[in-house]
C-alpha atoms as a PDB file:
ATOM      1  CA  MET A   1      -0.243  -0.027  -0.081  1.00  0.00           C
ATOM      2  CA  PRO A   2       1.298   3.545  -1.135  1.00  0.00           C
ATOM      3  CA  HIS A   3       2.305   5.699   2.077  1.00  0.00           C
ATOM      4  CA  LEU A   4      -0.273   8.703   1.610  1.00  0.00           C
ATOM      5  CA  PRO A   5       1.334  12.082   2.935  1.00  0.00           C
ATOM      6  CA  LEU A   6      -0.844  13.976   5.431  1.00  0.00           C
ATOM      7  CA  THR A   7      -2.403  17.675   4.704  1.00  0.00           C
ATOM      8  CA  PRO A   8      -1.321  20.429   6.718  1.00  0.00           C
ATOM      9  CA  TYR A   9      -4.559  20.336   8.308  1.00  0.00           C
ATOM     10  CA  THR A  10      -4.773  16.838   8.784  1.00  0.00           C
ATOM     11  CA  ARG A  11      -1.355  16.294  10.536  1.00  0.00           C
ATOM     12  CA  LYS A  12      -2.851  19.560  12.635  1.00  0.00           C
ATOM     13  CA  VAL A  13      -5.731  17.334  13.314  1.00  0.00           C
ATOM     14  CA  VAL A  14      -3.397  14.489  14.706  1.00  0.00           C
ATOM     15  CA  ASP A  15      -1.781  16.375  16.822  1.00  0.00           C
ATOM     16  CA  LEU A  16      -4.150  17.487  18.573  1.00  0.00           C
ATOM     17  CA  THR A  17      -5.323  14.366  19.565  1.00  0.00           C
ATOM     18  CA  THR A  18      -1.646  13.334  21.010  1.00  0.00           C
ATOM     19  CA  GLN A  19      -2.448  15.984  22.742  1.00  0.00           C
ATOM     20  CA  GLU A  20      -5.536  15.501  24.023  1.00  0.00           C
ATOM     21  CA  ALA A  21      -4.439  12.184  25.303  1.00  0.00           C
ATOM     22  CA  ASP A  22      -1.704  13.110  26.196  1.00  0.00           C
ATOM     23  CA  HIS A  23      -3.577  15.556  28.643  1.00  0.00           C
ATOM     24  CA  PHE A  24      -5.150  12.775  30.623  1.00  0.00           C
ATOM     25  CA  GLY A  25      -2.637  11.035  30.856  1.00  0.00           C
ATOM     26  CA  HIS A  26      -4.128   8.269  28.311  1.00  0.00           C
ATOM     27  CA  CYS A  27      -0.963   6.152  26.866  1.00  0.00           C
ATOM     28  CA  TYR A  28      -3.090   4.765  23.631  1.00  0.00           C
ATOM     29  CA  THR A  29      -5.238   7.744  21.198  1.00  0.00           C
ATOM     30  CA  GLY A  30      -9.046   6.997  20.428  1.00  0.00           C
ATOM     31  CA  THR A  31     -11.846   8.533  19.049  1.00  0.00           C
ATOM     32  CA  GLU A  32     -12.904  10.341  21.774  1.00  0.00           C
ATOM     33  CA  HIS A  33      -8.862  12.390  21.723  1.00  0.00           C
ATOM     34  CA  VAL A  34     -10.500  12.958  18.257  1.00  0.00           C
ATOM     35  CA  LEU A  35     -14.206  13.931  18.919  1.00  0.00           C
ATOM     36  CA  LEU A  36     -11.964  16.163  22.195  1.00  0.00           C
ATOM     37  CA  ALA A  37      -9.892  17.767  18.980  1.00  0.00           C
ATOM     38  CA  LEU A  38     -12.053  18.301  16.255  1.00  0.00           C
ATOM     39  CA  ALA A  39     -14.981  19.843  18.068  1.00  0.00           C
ATOM     40  CA  LYS A  40     -12.142  22.425  19.829  1.00  0.00           C
ATOM     41  CA  GLU A  41     -10.625  22.612  16.451  1.00  0.00           C
ATOM     42  CA  GLN A  42     -12.013  26.005  15.403  1.00  0.00           C
ATOM     43  CA  ASP A  43     -11.444  25.959  11.572  1.00  0.00           C
ATOM     44  CA  ALA A  44     -13.207  22.397  11.506  1.00  0.00           C
ATOM     45  CA  ILE A  45     -15.760  21.654   9.534  1.00  0.00           C
ATOM     46  CA  ALA A  46     -16.865  18.320  11.921  1.00  0.00           C
ATOM     47  CA  ARG A  47     -16.653  21.512  14.700  1.00  0.00           C
ATOM     48  CA  ALA A  48     -19.755  23.067  12.735  1.00  0.00           C
ATOM     49  CA  ILE A  49     -20.872  19.324  12.497  1.00  0.00           C
ATOM     50  CA  LEU A  50     -21.072  18.846  15.873  1.00  0.00           C
ATOM     51  CA  ARG A  51     -22.407  21.895  17.095  1.00  0.00           C
ATOM     52  CA  GLU A  52     -25.015  21.235  14.878  1.00  0.00           C
ATOM     53  CA  HIS A  53     -25.862  18.338  16.271  1.00  0.00           C
ATOM     54  CA  SER A  54     -26.141  19.981  19.781  1.00  0.00           C
ATOM     55  CA  LEU A  55     -22.353  19.384  21.295  1.00  0.00           C
ATOM     56  CA  ASP A  56     -21.455  22.423  22.683  1.00  0.00           C
ATOM     57  CA  ALA A  57     -19.141  23.119  25.486  1.00  0.00           C
ATOM     58  CA  VAL A  58     -20.770  22.273  28.500  1.00  0.00           C
ATOM     59  CA  ILE A  59     -21.182  18.926  26.757  1.00  0.00           C
ATOM     60  CA  ILE A  60     -16.531  18.697  26.077  1.00  0.00           C
ATOM     61  CA  LYS A  61     -16.066  19.915  29.669  1.00  0.00           C
ATOM     62  CA  GLN A  62     -18.115  16.781  30.757  1.00  0.00           C
ATOM     63  CA  ILE A  63     -16.112  14.819  28.519  1.00  0.00           C
ATOM     64  CA  GLU A  64     -13.101  15.998  29.963  1.00  0.00           C
ATOM     65  CA  GLU A  65     -14.508  15.764  33.089  1.00  0.00           C
ATOM     66  CA  LEU A  66     -15.044  11.908  32.512  1.00  0.00           C
ATOM     67  CA  PHE A  67     -11.186  11.523  31.754  1.00  0.00           C
ATOM     68  CA  ALA A  68     -10.034  13.373  34.309  1.00  0.00           C
ATOM     69  CA  SER A  69     -11.698  11.149  36.812  1.00  0.00           C
ATOM     70  CA  THR A  70     -10.517   8.229  35.529  1.00  0.00           C
ATOM     71  CA  THR A  71      -7.653   6.344  36.659  1.00  0.00           C
ATOM     72  CA  HIS A  72      -6.262   4.170  33.573  1.00  0.00           C
ATOM     73  CA  THR A  73      -3.917   4.590  31.438  1.00  0.00           C
ATOM     74  CA  ALA A  74      -3.876   1.896  29.651  1.00  0.00           C
ATOM     75  CA  HIS A  75      -5.951   1.221  26.209  1.00  0.00           C
ATOM     76  CA  PRO A  76      -9.591   0.328  27.321  1.00  0.00           C
ATOM     77  CA  SER A  77      -9.694  -2.984  25.359  1.00  0.00           C
ATOM     78  CA  ASN A  78      -6.502  -4.245  27.787  1.00  0.00           C
ATOM     79  CA  ALA A  79      -8.010  -2.834  30.996  1.00  0.00           C
END
């Protein structure tokens, strides 16, 4: 399979996703981290779509608080 380079925007989202995982001390990057990254990214079309479906800053904060209250740093499938 050929290597497909990431666009600068995609690289930015990947970096933000990794930062989200690091922020919560997780040693894996999951879809929840992608969701948080996209929801916070000002230029993301996905952010607008999430907001259309009532995923706003309050819900994002609740997700963050849930992560902050977890003590597991292993991948959920390994727990």
